[in-house]
Amino acid sequence: MAIRIRLVRTGKKNKAFFRIVAVDRKKDGRGDVKEILGHYDPLGDPEIVEIKEERISYWFEKGAIPTQTVKSLCKKKGIFIPPNVDK
């Protein structure tokens, strides 16, 4: 079972809002979410990124793989991403 850390879009039309979630690789993330790890609001001024650092580190230890977007958001927040998750 491979876990991915990815964004799931919520919000209304033209008002995007994203949740950062841990989800099984084969699921779409709409209802089968393992855990909500934070949120991202690209329309805020400035854009808002809230991440639960201790929980995202936990999932990295369990072997979760982040998407490119989540990886860049973690870098913006200064969260360490282990080098072995670049699979």
PDB file of N, CA and C in Angstrom:
ATOM      1  N   MET A   1       0.843  -1.180   0.000  1.00  0.00           N
ATOM      2  CA  MET A   1       0.000   0.000   0.000  1.00  0.00           C
ATOM      3  C   MET A   1       0.886   1.240   0.000  1.00  0.00           C
ATOM      4  N   ALA A   2       0.895   1.966  -1.102  1.00  0.00           N
ATOM      5  CA  ALA A   2       1.684   3.182  -1.220  1.00  0.00           C
ATOM      6  C   ALA A   2       0.818   4.389  -0.869  1.00  0.00           C
ATOM      7  N   ILE A   3       1.303   5.198   0.033  1.00  0.00           N
ATOM      8  CA  ILE A   3       0.590   6.397   0.454  1.00  0.00           C
ATOM      9  C   ILE A   3       1.205   7.603  -0.245  1.00  0.00           C
ATOM     10  N   ARG A   4       0.345   8.474  -0.771  1.00  0.00           N
ATOM     11  CA  ARG A   4       0.781   9.714  -1.393  1.00  0.00           C
ATOM     12  C   ARG A   4       0.291  10.876  -0.542  1.00  0.00           C
ATOM     13  N   ILE A   5       1.090  11.931  -0.488  1.00  0.00           N
ATOM     14  CA  ILE A   5       0.666  13.172   0.142  1.00  0.00           C
ATOM     15  C   ILE A   5       0.395  14.129  -1.006  1.00  0.00           C
ATOM     16  N   ARG A   6      -0.865  14.525  -1.151  1.00  0.00           N
ATOM     17  CA  ARG A   6      -1.260  15.301  -2.317  1.00  0.00           C
ATOM     18  C   ARG A   6      -2.298  16.349  -1.959  1.00  0.00           C
ATOM     19  N   LEU A   7      -2.653  17.173  -2.928  1.00  0.00           N
ATOM     20  CA  LEU A   7      -3.682  18.183  -2.749  1.00  0.00           C
ATOM     21  C   LEU A   7      -5.021  17.662  -3.253  1.00  0.00           C
ATOM     22  N   VAL A   8      -6.080  18.032  -2.563  1.00  0.00           N
ATOM     23  CA  VAL A   8      -7.441  17.735  -3.001  1.00  0.00           C
ATOM     24  C   VAL A   8      -8.168  19.068  -3.073  1.00  0.00           C
ATOM     25  N   ARG A   9      -8.733  19.363  -4.233  1.00  0.00           N
ATOM     26  CA  ARG A   9      -9.398  20.646  -4.434  1.00  0.00           C
ATOM     27  C   ARG A   9     -10.780  20.640  -3.794  1.00  0.00           C
ATOM     28  N   THR A  10     -11.052  21.696  -3.053  1.00  0.00           N
ATOM     29  CA  THR A  10     -12.375  21.944  -2.502  1.00  0.00           C
ATOM     30  C   THR A  10     -12.721  23.393  -2.845  1.00  0.00           C
ATOM     31  N   GLY A  11     -13.792  23.890  -2.325  1.00  0.00           N
ATOM     32  CA  GLY A  11     -14.148  25.279  -2.591  1.00  0.00           C
ATOM     33  C   GLY A  11     -15.109  25.392  -3.756  1.00  0.00           C
ATOM     34  N   LYS A  12     -15.487  26.610  -4.038  1.00  0.00           N
ATOM     35  CA  LYS A  12     -16.470  26.876  -5.080  1.00  0.00           C
ATOM     36  C   LYS A  12     -15.787  27.168  -6.406  1.00  0.00           C
ATOM     37  N   LYS A  13     -16.596  27.336  -7.423  1.00  0.00           N
ATOM     38  CA  LYS A  13     -16.114  27.692  -8.746  1.00  0.00           C
ATOM     39  C   LYS A  13     -15.394  29.045  -8.675  1.00  0.00           C
ATOM     40  N   ASN A  14     -14.204  29.103  -9.238  1.00  0.00           N
ATOM     41  CA  ASN A  14     -13.346  30.298  -9.252  1.00  0.00           C
ATOM     42  C   ASN A  14     -12.854  30.712  -7.863  1.00  0.00           C
ATOM     43  N   LYS A  15     -13.033  29.876  -6.856  1.00  0.00           N
ATOM     44  CA  LYS A  15     -12.532  30.142  -5.505  1.00  0.00           C
ATOM     45  C   LYS A  15     -11.884  28.873  -4.980  1.00  0.00           C
ATOM     46  N   ALA A  16     -10.769  28.521  -5.575  1.00  0.00           N
ATOM     47  CA  ALA A  16     -10.105  27.269  -5.250  1.00  0.00           C
ATOM     48  C   ALA A  16      -9.555  27.288  -3.821  1.00  0.00           C
ATOM     49  N   PHE A  17      -9.640  26.146  -3.182  1.00  0.00           N
ATOM     50  CA  PHE A  17      -9.104  25.920  -1.847  1.00  0.00           C
ATOM     51  C   PHE A  17      -8.665  24.462  -1.821  1.00  0.00           C
ATOM     52  N   PHE A  18      -7.487  24.179  -1.311  1.00  0.00           N
ATOM     53  CA  PHE A  18      -6.950  22.836  -1.364  1.00  0.00           C
ATOM     54  C   PHE A  18      -6.662  22.305   0.029  1.00  0.00           C
ATOM     55  N   ARG A  19      -6.939  21.016   0.225  1.00  0.00           N
ATOM     56  CA  ARG A  19      -6.526  20.307   1.432  1.00  0.00           C
ATOM     57  C   ARG A  19      -5.285  19.500   1.109  1.00  0.00           C
ATOM     58  N   ILE A  20      -4.375  19.424   2.046  1.00  0.00           N
ATOM     59  CA  ILE A  20      -3.205  18.561   1.920  1.00  0.00           C
ATOM     60  C   ILE A  20      -3.546  17.290   2.677  1.00  0.00           C
ATOM     61  N   VAL A  21      -3.565  16.151   1.957  1.00  0.00           N
ATOM     62  CA  VAL A  21      -4.037  14.911   2.550  1.00  0.00           C
ATOM     63  C   VAL A  21      -3.060  13.768   2.300  1.00  0.00           C
ATOM     64  N   ALA A  22      -3.122  12.774   3.180  1.00  0.00           N
ATOM     65  CA  ALA A  22      -2.444  11.498   2.983  1.00  0.00           C
ATOM     66  C   ALA A  22      -3.508  10.526   2.502  1.00  0.00           C
ATOM     67  N   VAL A  23      -3.276   9.926   1.330  1.00  0.00           N
ATOM     68  CA  VAL A  23      -4.280   9.073   0.712  1.00  0.00           C
ATOM     69  C   VAL A  23      -3.593   7.920  -0.005  1.00  0.00           C
ATOM     70  N   ASP A  24      -4.292   6.799  -0.119  1.00  0.00           N
ATOM     71  CA  ASP A  24      -3.769   5.665  -0.867  1.00  0.00           C
ATOM     72  C   ASP A  24      -3.563   6.086  -2.318  1.00  0.00           C
ATOM     73  N   ARG A  25      -2.519   5.618  -2.944  1.00  0.00           N
ATOM     74  CA  ARG A  25      -2.142   6.033  -4.288  1.00  0.00           C
ATOM     75  C   ARG A  25      -3.246   5.804  -5.311  1.00  0.00           C
ATOM     76  N   LYS A  26      -4.047   4.764  -5.147  1.00  0.00           N
ATOM     77  CA  LYS A  26      -5.068   4.411  -6.123  1.00  0.00           C
ATOM     78  C   LYS A  26      -6.402   5.127  -5.902  1.00  0.00           C
ATOM     79  N   LYS A  27      -6.534   5.886  -4.831  1.00  0.00           N
ATOM     80  CA  LYS A  27      -7.790   6.580  -4.531  1.00  0.00           C
ATOM     81  C   LYS A  27      -7.709   8.020  -5.023  1.00  0.00           C
ATOM     82  N   ASP A  28      -8.875   8.654  -5.161  1.00  0.00           N
ATOM     83  CA  ASP A  28      -8.897  10.026  -5.658  1.00  0.00           C
ATOM     84  C   ASP A  28      -8.793  11.070  -4.557  1.00  0.00           C
ATOM     85  N   GLY A  29      -8.970  10.686  -3.311  1.00  0.00           N
ATOM     86  CA  GLY A  29      -8.821  11.613  -2.204  1.00  0.00           C
ATOM     87  C   GLY A  29     -10.094  12.328  -1.812  1.00  0.00           C
ATOM     88  N   ARG A  30     -11.205  11.997  -2.439  1.00  0.00           N
ATOM     89  CA  ARG A  30     -12.459  12.662  -2.104  1.00  0.00           C
ATOM     90  C   ARG A  30     -13.062  12.132  -0.799  1.00  0.00           C
ATOM     91  N   GLY A  31     -13.005  10.818  -0.578  1.00  0.00           N
ATOM     92  CA  GLY A  31     -13.612  10.288   0.628  1.00  0.00           C
ATOM     93  C   GLY A  31     -12.748   9.281   1.354  1.00  0.00           C
ATOM     94  N   ASP A  32     -11.718   8.791   0.708  1.00  0.00           N
ATOM     95  CA  ASP A  32     -10.882   7.742   1.283  1.00  0.00           C
ATOM     96  C   ASP A  32      -9.575   8.304   1.837  1.00  0.00           C
ATOM     97  N   VAL A  33      -9.650   9.408   2.516  1.00  0.00           N
ATOM     98  CA  VAL A  33      -8.473  10.091   3.034  1.00  0.00           C
ATOM     99  C   VAL A  33      -8.021   9.433   4.332  1.00  0.00           C
ATOM    100  N   LYS A  34      -6.728   9.154   4.440  1.00  0.00           N
ATOM    101  CA  LYS A  34      -6.182   8.612   5.687  1.00  0.00           C
ATOM    102  C   LYS A  34      -6.133   9.707   6.749  1.00  0.00           C
ATOM    103  N   GLU A  35      -5.648  10.909   6.355  1.00  0.00           N
ATOM    104  CA  GLU A  35      -5.543  12.004   7.313  1.00  0.00           C
ATOM    105  C   GLU A  35      -5.427  13.323   6.563  1.00  0.00           C
ATOM    106  N   ILE A  36      -6.045  14.364   7.102  1.00  0.00           N
ATOM    107  CA  ILE A  36      -5.895  15.711   6.557  1.00  0.00           C
ATOM    108  C   ILE A  36      -4.700  16.344   7.253  1.00  0.00           C
ATOM    109  N   LEU A  37      -3.711  16.776   6.470  1.00  0.00           N
ATOM    110  CA  LEU A  37      -2.450  17.271   7.005  1.00  0.00           C
ATOM    111  C   LEU A  37      -2.320  18.786   6.968  1.00  0.00           C
ATOM    112  N   GLY A  38      -3.270  19.456   6.355  1.00  0.00           N
ATOM    113  CA  GLY A  38      -3.201  20.909   6.291  1.00  0.00           C
ATOM    114  C   GLY A  38      -4.064  21.436   5.168  1.00  0.00           C
ATOM    115  N   HIS A  39      -3.873  22.724   4.850  1.00  0.00           N
ATOM    116  CA  HIS A  39      -4.619  23.316   3.747  1.00  0.00           C
ATOM    117  C   HIS A  39      -3.781  24.393   3.066  1.00  0.00           C
ATOM    118  N   TYR A  40      -4.217  24.735   1.846  1.00  0.00           N
ATOM    119  CA  TYR A  40      -3.519  25.706   1.015  1.00  0.00           C
ATOM    120  C   TYR A  40      -4.557  26.577   0.325  1.00  0.00           C
ATOM    121  N   ASP A  41      -4.431  27.892   0.505  1.00  0.00           N
ATOM    122  CA  ASP A  41      -5.340  28.847  -0.120  1.00  0.00           C
ATOM    123  C   ASP A  41      -4.530  29.741  -1.056  1.00  0.00           C
ATOM    124  N   PRO A  42      -4.535  29.444  -2.359  1.00  0.00           N
ATOM    125  CA  PRO A  42      -3.729  30.228  -3.290  1.00  0.00           C
ATOM    126  C   PRO A  42      -4.295  31.619  -3.571  1.00  0.00           C
ATOM    127  N   LEU A  43      -5.549  31.878  -3.225  1.00  0.00           N
ATOM    128  CA  LEU A  43      -6.173  33.155  -3.524  1.00  0.00           C
ATOM    129  C   LEU A  43      -6.035  34.171  -2.402  1.00  0.00           C
ATOM    130  N   GLY A  44      -5.519  33.752  -1.263  1.00  0.00           N
ATOM    131  CA  GLY A  44      -5.327  34.685  -0.165  1.00  0.00           C
ATOM    132  C   GLY A  44      -4.228  35.686  -0.510  1.00  0.00           C
ATOM    133  N   ASP A  45      -4.208  36.809   0.172  1.00  0.00           N
ATOM    134  CA  ASP A  45      -3.171  37.806  -0.090  1.00  0.00           C
ATOM    135  C   ASP A  45      -2.435  38.085   1.203  1.00  0.00           C
ATOM    136  N   PRO A  46      -1.299  37.482   1.454  1.00  0.00           N
ATOM    137  CA  PRO A  46      -0.557  36.515   0.629  1.00  0.00           C
ATOM    138  C   PRO A  46      -1.188  35.126   0.716  1.00  0.00           C
ATOM    139  N   GLU A  47      -0.747  34.223  -0.162  1.00  0.00           N
ATOM    140  CA  GLU A  47      -1.317  32.874  -0.166  1.00  0.00           C
ATOM    141  C   GLU A  47      -1.046  32.194   1.172  1.00  0.00           C
ATOM    142  N   ILE A  48      -2.015  31.415   1.626  1.00  0.00           N
ATOM    143  CA  ILE A  48      -1.972  30.816   2.961  1.00  0.00           C
ATOM    144  C   ILE A  48      -1.641  29.337   2.839  1.00  0.00           C
ATOM    145  N   VAL A  49      -0.621  28.906   3.592  1.00  0.00           N
ATOM    146  CA  VAL A  49      -0.233  27.498   3.647  1.00  0.00           C
ATOM    147  C   VAL A  49      -0.160  27.094   5.115  1.00  0.00           C
ATOM    148  N   GLU A  50      -1.005  26.166   5.519  1.00  0.00           N
ATOM    149  CA  GLU A  50      -1.001  25.631   6.880  1.00  0.00           C
ATOM    150  C   GLU A  50      -0.703  24.141   6.786  1.00  0.00           C
ATOM    151  N   ILE A  51       0.382  23.699   7.429  1.00  0.00           N
ATOM    152  CA  ILE A  51       0.769  22.291   7.391  1.00  0.00           C
ATOM    153  C   ILE A  51       1.063  21.833   8.814  1.00  0.00           C
ATOM    154  N   LYS A  52       0.541  20.657   9.176  1.00  0.00           N
ATOM    155  CA  LYS A  52       0.855  20.045  10.467  1.00  0.00           C
ATOM    156  C   LYS A  52       2.208  19.348  10.325  1.00  0.00           C
ATOM    157  N   GLU A  53       3.256  20.007  10.783  1.00  0.00           N
ATOM    158  CA  GLU A  53       4.620  19.524  10.546  1.00  0.00           C
ATOM    159  C   GLU A  53       4.888  18.165  11.174  1.00  0.00           C
ATOM    160  N   GLU A  54       4.417  17.934  12.385  1.00  0.00           N
ATOM    161  CA  GLU A  54       4.706  16.666  13.050  1.00  0.00           C
ATOM    162  C   GLU A  54       3.993  15.501  12.365  1.00  0.00           C
ATOM    163  N   ARG A  55       2.786  15.747  11.847  1.00  0.00           N
ATOM    164  CA  ARG A  55       2.057  14.669  11.167  1.00  0.00           C
ATOM    165  C   ARG A  55       2.615  14.380   9.782  1.00  0.00           C
ATOM    166  N   ILE A  56       3.056  15.414   9.071  1.00  0.00           N
ATOM    167  CA  ILE A  56       3.634  15.170   7.751  1.00  0.00           C
ATOM    168  C   ILE A  56       4.978  14.457   7.891  1.00  0.00           C
ATOM    169  N   SER A  57       5.723  14.760   8.956  1.00  0.00           N
ATOM    170  CA  SER A  57       6.971  14.044   9.221  1.00  0.00           C
ATOM    171  C   SER A  57       6.687  12.577   9.546  1.00  0.00           C
ATOM    172  N   TYR A  58       5.619  12.329  10.285  1.00  0.00           N
ATOM    173  CA  TYR A  58       5.217  10.962  10.595  1.00  0.00           C
ATOM    174  C   TYR A  58       4.964  10.169   9.316  1.00  0.00           C
ATOM    175  N   TRP A  59       4.230  10.764   8.372  1.00  0.00           N
ATOM    176  CA  TRP A  59       3.924  10.060   7.129  1.00  0.00           C
ATOM    177  C   TRP A  59       5.173   9.868   6.277  1.00  0.00           C
ATOM    178  N   PHE A  60       6.114  10.808   6.316  1.00  0.00           N
ATOM    179  CA  PHE A  60       7.379  10.613   5.607  1.00  0.00           C
ATOM    180  C   PHE A  60       8.132   9.417   6.178  1.00  0.00           C
ATOM    181  N   GLU A  61       8.103   9.260   7.505  1.00  0.00           N
ATOM    182  CA  GLU A  61       8.755   8.118   8.149  1.00  0.00           C
ATOM    183  C   GLU A  61       8.102   6.801   7.737  1.00  0.00           C
ATOM    184  N   LYS A  62       6.790   6.825   7.505  1.00  0.00           N
ATOM    185  CA  LYS A  62       6.063   5.621   7.093  1.00  0.00           C
ATOM    186  C   LYS A  62       6.243   5.312   5.604  1.00  0.00           C
ATOM    187  N   GLY A  63       6.926   6.188   4.858  1.00  0.00           N
ATOM    188  CA  GLY A  63       7.201   5.930   3.449  1.00  0.00           C
ATOM    189  C   GLY A  63       6.281   6.637   2.477  1.00  0.00           C
ATOM    190  N   ALA A  64       5.529   7.629   2.934  1.00  0.00           N
ATOM    191  CA  ALA A  64       4.641   8.371   2.035  1.00  0.00           C
ATOM    192  C   ALA A  64       5.463   9.209   1.061  1.00  0.00           C
ATOM    193  N   ILE A  65       4.929   9.342  -0.152  1.00  0.00           N
ATOM    194  CA  ILE A  65       5.619  10.080  -1.206  1.00  0.00           C
ATOM    195  C   ILE A  65       4.799  11.331  -1.531  1.00  0.00           C
ATOM    196  N   PRO A  66       5.407  12.537  -1.435  1.00  0.00           N
ATOM    197  CA  PRO A  66       4.662  13.755  -1.755  1.00  0.00           C
ATOM    198  C   PRO A  66       4.657  14.033  -3.253  1.00  0.00           C
ATOM    199  N   THR A  67       3.629  14.729  -3.724  1.00  0.00           N
ATOM    200  CA  THR A  67       3.612  15.180  -5.107  1.00  0.00           C
ATOM    201  C   THR A  67       4.546  16.384  -5.230  1.00  0.00           C
ATOM    202  N   GLN A  68       4.825  16.793  -6.453  1.00  0.00           N
ATOM    203  CA  GLN A  68       5.722  17.931  -6.679  1.00  0.00           C
ATOM    204  C   GLN A  68       5.186  19.196  -6.019  1.00  0.00           C
ATOM    205  N   THR A  69       3.888  19.423  -6.101  1.00  0.00           N
ATOM    206  CA  THR A  69       3.301  20.630  -5.527  1.00  0.00           C
ATOM    207  C   THR A  69       3.416  20.626  -4.010  1.00  0.00           C
ATOM    208  N   VAL A  70       3.130  19.506  -3.392  1.00  0.00           N
ATOM    209  CA  VAL A  70       3.241  19.411  -1.933  1.00  0.00           C
ATOM    210  C   VAL A  70       4.699  19.566  -1.510  1.00  0.00           C
ATOM    211  N   LYS A  71       5.596  19.007  -2.286  1.00  0.00           N
ATOM    212  CA  LYS A  71       7.022  19.137  -1.985  1.00  0.00           C
ATOM    213  C   LYS A  71       7.452  20.608  -2.010  1.00  0.00           C
ATOM    214  N   SER A  72       6.972  21.372  -3.000  1.00  0.00           N
ATOM    215  CA  SER A  72       7.338  22.789  -3.078  1.00  0.00           C
ATOM    216  C   SER A  72       6.691  23.593  -1.948  1.00  0.00           C
ATOM    217  N   LEU A  73       5.467  23.226  -1.539  1.00  0.00           N
ATOM    218  CA  LEU A  73       4.832  23.907  -0.410  1.00  0.00           C
ATOM    219  C   LEU A  73       5.587  23.633   0.885  1.00  0.00           C
ATOM    220  N   CYS A  74       6.070  22.405   1.054  1.00  0.00           N
ATOM    221  CA  CYS A  74       6.860  22.063   2.246  1.00  0.00           C
ATOM    222  C   CYS A  74       8.162  22.853   2.273  1.00  0.00           C
ATOM    223  N   LYS A  75       8.771  23.023   1.126  1.00  0.00           N
ATOM    224  CA  LYS A  75      10.018  23.804   1.066  1.00  0.00           C
ATOM    225  C   LYS A  75       9.760  25.259   1.428  1.00  0.00           C
ATOM    226  N   LYS A  76       8.618  25.814   0.988  1.00  0.00           N
ATOM    227  CA  LYS A  76       8.269  27.192   1.340  1.00  0.00           C
ATOM    228  C   LYS A  76       8.107  27.360   2.840  1.00  0.00           C
ATOM    229  N   LYS A  77       7.539  26.339   3.494  1.00  0.00           N
ATOM    230  CA  LYS A  77       7.315  26.397   4.939  1.00  0.00           C
ATOM    231  C   LYS A  77       8.544  25.993   5.744  1.00  0.00           C
ATOM    232  N   GLY A  78       9.595  25.487   5.060  1.00  0.00           N
ATOM    233  CA  GLY A  78      10.812  25.098   5.751  1.00  0.00           C
ATOM    234  C   GLY A  78      10.746  23.723   6.387  1.00  0.00           C
ATOM    235  N   ILE A  79       9.887  22.852   5.883  1.00  0.00           N
ATOM    236  CA  ILE A  79       9.756  21.498   6.413  1.00  0.00           C
ATOM    237  C   ILE A  79      10.761  20.603   5.710  1.00  0.00           C
ATOM    238  N   PHE A  80      11.519  19.840   6.483  1.00  0.00           N
ATOM    239  CA  PHE A  80      12.536  18.959   5.933  1.00  0.00           C
ATOM    240  C   PHE A  80      11.878  17.765   5.237  1.00  0.00           C
ATOM    241  N   ILE A  81      12.300  17.519   4.003  1.00  0.00           N
ATOM    242  CA  ILE A  81      11.822  16.374   3.232  1.00  0.00           C
ATOM    243  C   ILE A  81      12.979  15.401   3.115  1.00  0.00           C
ATOM    244  N   PRO A  82      12.852  14.197   3.660  1.00  0.00           N
ATOM    245  CA  PRO A  82      13.948  13.218   3.570  1.00  0.00           C
ATOM    246  C   PRO A  82      14.303  12.919   2.115  1.00  0.00           C
ATOM    247  N   PRO A  83      15.589  12.700   1.842  1.00  0.00           N
ATOM    248  CA  PRO A  83      16.000  12.457   0.457  1.00  0.00           C
ATOM    249  C   PRO A  83      15.486  11.149  -0.129  1.00  0.00           C
ATOM    250  N   ASN A  84      15.083  10.194   0.677  1.00  0.00           N
ATOM    251  CA  ASN A  84      14.637   8.908   0.166  1.00  0.00           C
ATOM    252  C   ASN A  84      13.187   8.899  -0.309  1.00  0.00           C
ATOM    253  N   VAL A  85      12.478  10.042  -0.256  1.00  0.00           N
ATOM    254  CA  VAL A  85      11.097  10.088  -0.732  1.00  0.00           C
ATOM    255  C   VAL A  85      11.002  10.569  -2.176  1.00  0.00           C
ATOM    256  N   ASP A  86      12.120  10.673  -2.875  1.00  0.00           N
ATOM    257  CA  ASP A  86      12.124  11.155  -4.266  1.00  0.00           C
ATOM    258  C   ASP A  86      11.930  10.020  -5.251  1.00  0.00           C
ATOM    259  N   LYS A  87      11.057   9.078  -4.965  1.00  0.00           N
ATOM    260  CA  LYS A  87      10.846   7.924  -5.837  1.00  0.00           C
ATOM    261  C   LYS A  87       9.923   8.259  -6.958  1.00  0.00           C
TER     262      LYS A  87
END
